[in-house]
Amino acid sequence: MKRVIYAGSEFVTGDEIAATLLRLGQALAEAAEAEAVTVPTREPDGSVGEVTVLIGPASQMVARDAYDDNGELVDEGAIERMRAIQRRLHPIATVDPAASAEVDWEDEI
């Protein structure tokens, strides 16, 4: 678990969620964009809550280890939503390995 300190507040969330949030903050800063994202949190009573944070070019976040008796908080949906924003900011080209390597340029004219 990680305790994320951001904008004068803090919340506890899962390790992978916090790491993804930090990577998203970096991607948004590089693109000079901002985005509001909702992150699942572990509340003091052990329940699961959520926080919405606005992150962008000037965001300053810290994530440090936190102990929680209720176990690791995992939310693949939240992680995928943040990763989708990252992919939009930094698209990755893919190559079809089954495609033919030979091109007949004369047929293209």
N, C-alpha and C. Protein backbone atom coordinates (compact mmCIF):
# COMPACT_ATOMS: atom_id res chain seq x y z
N MET A 1 0.84 -1.18 0.00
CA MET A 1 0.00 0.00 0.00
C MET A 1 0.88 1.24 0.00
N LYS A 2 0.35 2.31 -0.55
CA LYS A 2 1.07 3.57 -0.60
C LYS A 2 0.20 4.70 -0.07
N ARG A 3 0.84 5.63 0.63
CA ARG A 3 0.20 6.86 1.06
C ARG A 3 0.64 7.92 0.06
N VAL A 4 -0.32 8.48 -0.65
CA VAL A 4 -0.04 9.51 -1.65
C VAL A 4 -0.33 10.87 -1.04
N ILE A 5 0.65 11.74 -1.09
CA ILE A 5 0.50 13.09 -0.57
C ILE A 5 0.42 14.02 -1.77
N TYR A 6 -0.68 14.78 -1.82
CA TYR A 6 -0.93 15.60 -3.00
C TYR A 6 -1.81 16.79 -2.63
N ALA A 7 -1.40 17.96 -3.03
CA ALA A 7 -2.20 19.19 -2.86
C ALA A 7 -2.66 19.41 -1.42
N GLY A 8 -1.76 19.17 -0.48
CA GLY A 8 -2.08 19.41 0.93
C GLY A 8 -2.95 18.36 1.56
N SER A 9 -3.20 17.27 0.87
CA SER A 9 -4.02 16.19 1.39
C SER A 9 -3.27 14.88 1.19
N GLU A 10 -3.81 13.81 1.71
CA GLU A 10 -3.20 12.51 1.49
C GLU A 10 -4.26 11.42 1.51
N PHE A 11 -3.94 10.32 0.83
CA PHE A 11 -4.82 9.16 0.79
C PHE A 11 -3.99 7.91 0.63
N VAL A 12 -4.57 6.77 1.04
CA VAL A 12 -3.91 5.48 0.94
C VAL A 12 -4.55 4.71 -0.20
N THR A 13 -3.70 4.13 -1.04
CA THR A 13 -4.18 3.33 -2.17
C THR A 13 -3.19 2.20 -2.43
N GLY A 14 -3.50 1.34 -3.37
CA GLY A 14 -2.64 0.21 -3.69
C GLY A 14 -1.35 0.62 -4.37
N ASP A 15 -0.35 -0.25 -4.28
CA ASP A 15 0.96 0.03 -4.86
C ASP A 15 0.87 0.31 -6.36
N GLU A 16 0.23 -0.57 -7.12
CA GLU A 16 0.15 -0.41 -8.57
C GLU A 16 -0.69 0.80 -8.95
N ILE A 17 -1.73 1.07 -8.18
CA ILE A 17 -2.56 2.25 -8.44
C ILE A 17 -1.72 3.52 -8.27
N ALA A 18 -0.96 3.59 -7.18
CA ALA A 18 -0.12 4.76 -6.93
C ALA A 18 0.95 4.91 -8.00
N ALA A 19 1.58 3.81 -8.38
CA ALA A 19 2.62 3.87 -9.41
C ALA A 19 2.04 4.35 -10.74
N THR A 20 0.86 3.86 -11.09
CA THR A 20 0.22 4.28 -12.33
C THR A 20 -0.17 5.74 -12.27
N LEU A 21 -0.65 6.20 -11.14
CA LEU A 21 -1.00 7.61 -10.96
C LEU A 21 0.23 8.50 -11.15
N LEU A 22 1.36 8.11 -10.60
CA LEU A 22 2.59 8.89 -10.75
C LEU A 22 3.06 8.90 -12.20
N ARG A 23 2.99 7.74 -12.87
CA ARG A 23 3.39 7.70 -14.29
C ARG A 23 2.46 8.57 -15.14
N LEU A 24 1.17 8.56 -14.80
CA LEU A 24 0.22 9.40 -15.53
C LEU A 24 0.55 10.87 -15.30
N GLY A 25 0.88 11.24 -14.08
CA GLY A 25 1.27 12.62 -13.79
C GLY A 25 2.47 13.05 -14.62
N GLN A 26 3.42 12.16 -14.76
CA GLN A 26 4.59 12.46 -15.58
C GLN A 26 4.20 12.64 -17.05
N ALA A 27 3.37 11.75 -17.57
CA ALA A 27 2.93 11.84 -18.97
C ALA A 27 2.15 13.13 -19.23
N LEU A 28 1.27 13.49 -18.30
CA LEU A 28 0.50 14.73 -18.45
C LEU A 28 1.40 15.95 -18.40
N ALA A 29 2.40 15.93 -17.54
CA ALA A 29 3.34 17.05 -17.46
C ALA A 29 4.11 17.20 -18.77
N GLU A 30 4.56 16.08 -19.33
CA GLU A 30 5.30 16.12 -20.60
C GLU A 30 4.44 16.65 -21.73
N ALA A 31 3.13 16.37 -21.69
CA ALA A 31 2.22 16.81 -22.74
C ALA A 31 1.61 18.18 -22.45
N ALA A 32 1.94 18.76 -21.31
CA ALA A 32 1.38 20.05 -20.88
C ALA A 32 -0.15 20.01 -20.87
N GLU A 33 -0.69 18.92 -20.34
CA GLU A 33 -2.14 18.74 -20.22
C GLU A 33 -2.50 18.44 -18.77
N ALA A 34 -3.79 18.51 -18.48
CA ALA A 34 -4.29 18.17 -17.15
C ALA A 34 -5.47 17.23 -17.31
N GLU A 35 -5.73 16.45 -16.29
CA GLU A 35 -6.82 15.48 -16.33
C GLU A 35 -7.29 15.22 -14.90
N ALA A 36 -8.58 15.08 -14.72
CA ALA A 36 -9.14 14.67 -13.43
C ALA A 36 -9.31 13.15 -13.46
N VAL A 37 -8.77 12.47 -12.49
CA VAL A 37 -8.89 11.01 -12.41
C VAL A 37 -9.40 10.62 -11.03
N THR A 38 -10.18 9.56 -11.00
CA THR A 38 -10.71 9.03 -9.75
C THR A 38 -9.89 7.81 -9.37
N VAL A 39 -9.45 7.81 -8.11
CA VAL A 39 -8.57 6.76 -7.60
C VAL A 39 -9.24 6.10 -6.40
N PRO A 40 -9.25 4.76 -6.35
CA PRO A 40 -9.79 4.10 -5.17
C PRO A 40 -8.85 4.29 -3.98
N THR A 41 -9.45 4.42 -2.80
CA THR A 41 -8.67 4.65 -1.59
C THR A 41 -9.10 3.67 -0.49
N ARG A 42 -8.19 3.45 0.44
CA ARG A 42 -8.53 2.69 1.65
C ARG A 42 -8.81 3.71 2.73
N GLU A 43 -10.02 3.70 3.24
CA GLU A 43 -10.43 4.65 4.28
C GLU A 43 -9.92 4.17 5.64
N PRO A 44 -9.83 5.06 6.62
CA PRO A 44 -9.33 4.68 7.95
C PRO A 44 -10.11 3.53 8.60
N ASP A 45 -11.41 3.40 8.30
CA ASP A 45 -12.20 2.31 8.88
C ASP A 45 -12.05 1.00 8.11
N GLY A 46 -11.21 0.97 7.08
CA GLY A 46 -10.97 -0.24 6.29
C GLY A 46 -11.82 -0.34 5.04
N SER A 47 -12.81 0.51 4.91
CA SER A 47 -13.66 0.46 3.72
C SER A 47 -12.91 1.05 2.52
N VAL A 48 -13.49 0.82 1.35
CA VAL A 48 -12.91 1.36 0.12
C VAL A 48 -13.69 2.61 -0.26
N GLY A 49 -12.98 3.68 -0.50
CA GLY A 49 -13.58 4.94 -0.94
C GLY A 49 -12.94 5.36 -2.24
N GLU A 50 -13.06 6.62 -2.56
CA GLU A 50 -12.40 7.12 -3.75
C GLU A 50 -12.12 8.61 -3.59
N VAL A 51 -11.14 9.05 -4.34
CA VAL A 51 -10.78 10.46 -4.37
C VAL A 51 -10.58 10.83 -5.84
N THR A 52 -11.00 12.02 -6.21
CA THR A 52 -10.76 12.52 -7.55
C THR A 52 -9.71 13.60 -7.46
N VAL A 53 -8.65 13.44 -8.24
CA VAL A 53 -7.55 14.40 -8.23
C VAL A 53 -7.36 14.98 -9.62
N LEU A 54 -7.04 16.23 -9.66
CA LEU A 54 -6.70 16.91 -10.90
C LEU A 54 -5.19 16.93 -10.99
N ILE A 55 -4.65 16.25 -12.00
CA ILE A 55 -3.20 16.22 -12.16
C ILE A 55 -2.83 16.84 -13.51
N GLY A 56 -1.69 17.48 -13.54
CA GLY A 56 -1.25 18.14 -14.75
C GLY A 56 0.20 18.56 -14.65
N PRO A 57 0.58 19.53 -15.47
CA PRO A 57 1.99 19.93 -15.55
C PRO A 57 2.62 20.38 -14.24
N ALA A 58 1.86 20.98 -13.35
CA ALA A 58 2.43 21.50 -12.10
C ALA A 58 2.20 20.57 -10.91
N SER A 59 1.68 19.38 -11.15
CA SER A 59 1.39 18.46 -10.04
C SER A 59 2.66 18.02 -9.35
N GLN A 60 2.59 18.00 -8.03
CA GLN A 60 3.69 17.49 -7.23
C GLN A 60 3.11 16.46 -6.27
N MET A 61 3.44 15.19 -6.52
CA MET A 61 2.92 14.09 -5.72
C MET A 61 4.07 13.31 -5.11
N VAL A 62 3.80 12.76 -3.95
CA VAL A 62 4.74 11.87 -3.29
C VAL A 62 3.96 10.63 -2.89
N ALA A 63 4.56 9.46 -3.11
CA ALA A 63 3.94 8.20 -2.67
C ALA A 63 4.96 7.49 -1.79
N ARG A 64 4.51 7.16 -0.57
CA ARG A 64 5.41 6.45 0.35
C ARG A 64 4.68 5.23 0.89
N ASP A 65 5.44 4.28 1.39
CA ASP A 65 4.85 3.05 1.91
C ASP A 65 3.87 3.34 3.03
N ALA A 66 2.81 2.56 3.07
CA ALA A 66 1.81 2.65 4.13
C ALA A 66 1.40 1.23 4.50
N TYR A 67 1.20 0.99 5.75
CA TYR A 67 0.75 -0.33 6.21
C TYR A 67 -0.76 -0.32 6.37
N ASP A 68 -1.38 -1.41 5.95
CA ASP A 68 -2.83 -1.51 6.08
C ASP A 68 -3.20 -2.95 6.43
N ASP A 69 -3.95 -3.13 7.51
CA ASP A 69 -4.36 -4.47 7.95
C ASP A 69 -5.31 -5.15 6.96
N ASN A 70 -5.95 -4.38 6.10
CA ASN A 70 -6.97 -4.93 5.20
C ASN A 70 -6.41 -5.48 3.90
N GLY A 71 -5.11 -5.42 3.71
CA GLY A 71 -4.50 -5.98 2.51
C GLY A 71 -4.42 -4.97 1.37
N GLU A 72 -3.76 -5.40 0.33
CA GLU A 72 -3.51 -4.55 -0.83
C GLU A 72 -4.81 -4.17 -1.53
N LEU A 73 -4.92 -2.92 -1.90
CA LEU A 73 -6.08 -2.43 -2.64
C LEU A 73 -5.76 -2.57 -4.13
N VAL A 74 -6.58 -3.31 -4.84
CA VAL A 74 -6.38 -3.54 -6.27
C VAL A 74 -7.65 -3.12 -7.00
N ASP A 75 -7.48 -2.35 -8.07
CA ASP A 75 -8.62 -1.94 -8.89
C ASP A 75 -8.13 -1.85 -10.33
N GLU A 76 -8.25 -2.95 -11.06
CA GLU A 76 -7.77 -3.01 -12.44
C GLU A 76 -8.48 -2.00 -13.33
N GLY A 77 -9.74 -1.70 -13.05
CA GLY A 77 -10.48 -0.72 -13.84
C GLY A 77 -9.87 0.66 -13.73
N ALA A 78 -9.53 1.08 -12.52
CA ALA A 78 -8.92 2.40 -12.31
C ALA A 78 -7.56 2.46 -12.98
N ILE A 79 -6.79 1.38 -12.85
CA ILE A 79 -5.47 1.34 -13.48
C ILE A 79 -5.61 1.44 -14.99
N GLU A 80 -6.55 0.70 -15.57
CA GLU A 80 -6.74 0.72 -17.02
C GLU A 80 -7.20 2.09 -17.51
N ARG A 81 -8.06 2.77 -16.76
CA ARG A 81 -8.49 4.12 -17.16
C ARG A 81 -7.31 5.08 -17.19
N MET A 82 -6.42 5.00 -16.20
CA MET A 82 -5.25 5.87 -16.19
C MET A 82 -4.28 5.51 -17.32
N ARG A 83 -4.12 4.21 -17.57
CA ARG A 83 -3.24 3.79 -18.67
C ARG A 83 -3.80 4.21 -20.02
N ALA A 84 -5.12 4.25 -20.16
CA ALA A 84 -5.73 4.69 -21.42
C ALA A 84 -5.39 6.16 -21.69
N ILE A 85 -5.39 6.97 -20.65
CA ILE A 85 -5.01 8.37 -20.82
C ILE A 85 -3.54 8.46 -21.25
N GLN A 86 -2.69 7.65 -20.63
CA GLN A 86 -1.27 7.64 -21.01
C GLN A 86 -1.11 7.23 -22.46
N ARG A 87 -1.84 6.20 -22.91
CA ARG A 87 -1.74 5.76 -24.30
C ARG A 87 -2.19 6.86 -25.26
N ARG A 88 -3.20 7.63 -24.87
CA ARG A 88 -3.66 8.73 -25.71
C ARG A 88 -2.56 9.79 -25.84
N LEU A 89 -1.83 10.02 -24.76
CA LEU A 89 -0.77 11.03 -24.76
C LEU A 89 0.48 10.55 -25.48
N HIS A 90 0.76 9.26 -25.37
CA HIS A 90 1.96 8.67 -25.97
C HIS A 90 1.57 7.39 -26.72
N PRO A 91 0.97 7.53 -27.91
CA PRO A 91 0.57 6.34 -28.66
C PRO A 91 1.79 5.47 -28.99
N ILE A 92 1.56 4.18 -29.01
CA ILE A 92 2.62 3.23 -29.31
C ILE A 92 2.28 2.54 -30.63
N ALA A 93 3.20 2.57 -31.57
CA ALA A 93 2.99 1.90 -32.85
C ALA A 93 3.19 0.40 -32.66
N THR A 94 2.41 -0.37 -33.38
CA THR A 94 2.57 -1.82 -33.34
C THR A 94 2.87 -2.31 -34.75
N VAL A 95 3.54 -3.44 -34.83
CA VAL A 95 3.91 -4.03 -36.11
C VAL A 95 3.25 -5.39 -36.19
N ASP A 96 2.62 -5.66 -37.33
CA ASP A 96 2.00 -6.96 -37.56
C ASP A 96 3.07 -7.91 -38.08
N PRO A 97 3.52 -8.88 -37.26
CA PRO A 97 4.60 -9.77 -37.69
C PRO A 97 4.16 -10.69 -38.84
N ALA A 98 2.86 -10.84 -39.05
CA ALA A 98 2.37 -11.71 -40.12
C ALA A 98 2.30 -10.97 -41.46
N ALA A 99 2.48 -9.66 -41.45
CA ALA A 99 2.40 -8.89 -42.69
C ALA A 99 3.58 -9.22 -43.59
N SER A 100 3.35 -9.14 -44.87
CA SER A 100 4.40 -9.42 -45.84
C SER A 100 5.46 -8.33 -45.78
N ALA A 101 6.71 -8.74 -45.84
CA ALA A 101 7.82 -7.78 -45.82
C ALA A 101 8.08 -7.24 -47.21
N GLU A 102 7.54 -7.90 -48.22
CA GLU A 102 7.77 -7.46 -49.59
C GLU A 102 6.64 -6.56 -50.06
N VAL A 103 7.01 -5.44 -50.67
CA VAL A 103 6.03 -4.50 -51.20
C VAL A 103 6.34 -4.29 -52.67
N ASP A 104 5.34 -4.42 -53.51
CA ASP A 104 5.49 -4.15 -54.93
C ASP A 104 5.07 -2.71 -55.16
N TRP A 105 6.05 -1.81 -55.16
CA TRP A 105 5.75 -0.38 -55.24
C TRP A 105 5.10 0.01 -56.56
N GLU A 106 5.34 -0.74 -57.62
CA GLU A 106 4.74 -0.41 -58.91
C GLU A 106 3.23 -0.56 -58.87
N ASP A 107 2.73 -1.48 -58.07
CA ASP A 107 1.27 -1.65 -57.94
C ASP A 107 0.65 -0.51 -57.15
N GLU A 108 1.45 0.26 -56.41
CA GLU A 108 0.95 1.35 -55.59
C GLU A 108 0.70 2.62 -56.40
N ILE A 109 1.18 2.69 -57.61
CA ILE A 109 1.06 3.91 -58.42
C ILE A 109 -0.26 3.97 -59.15
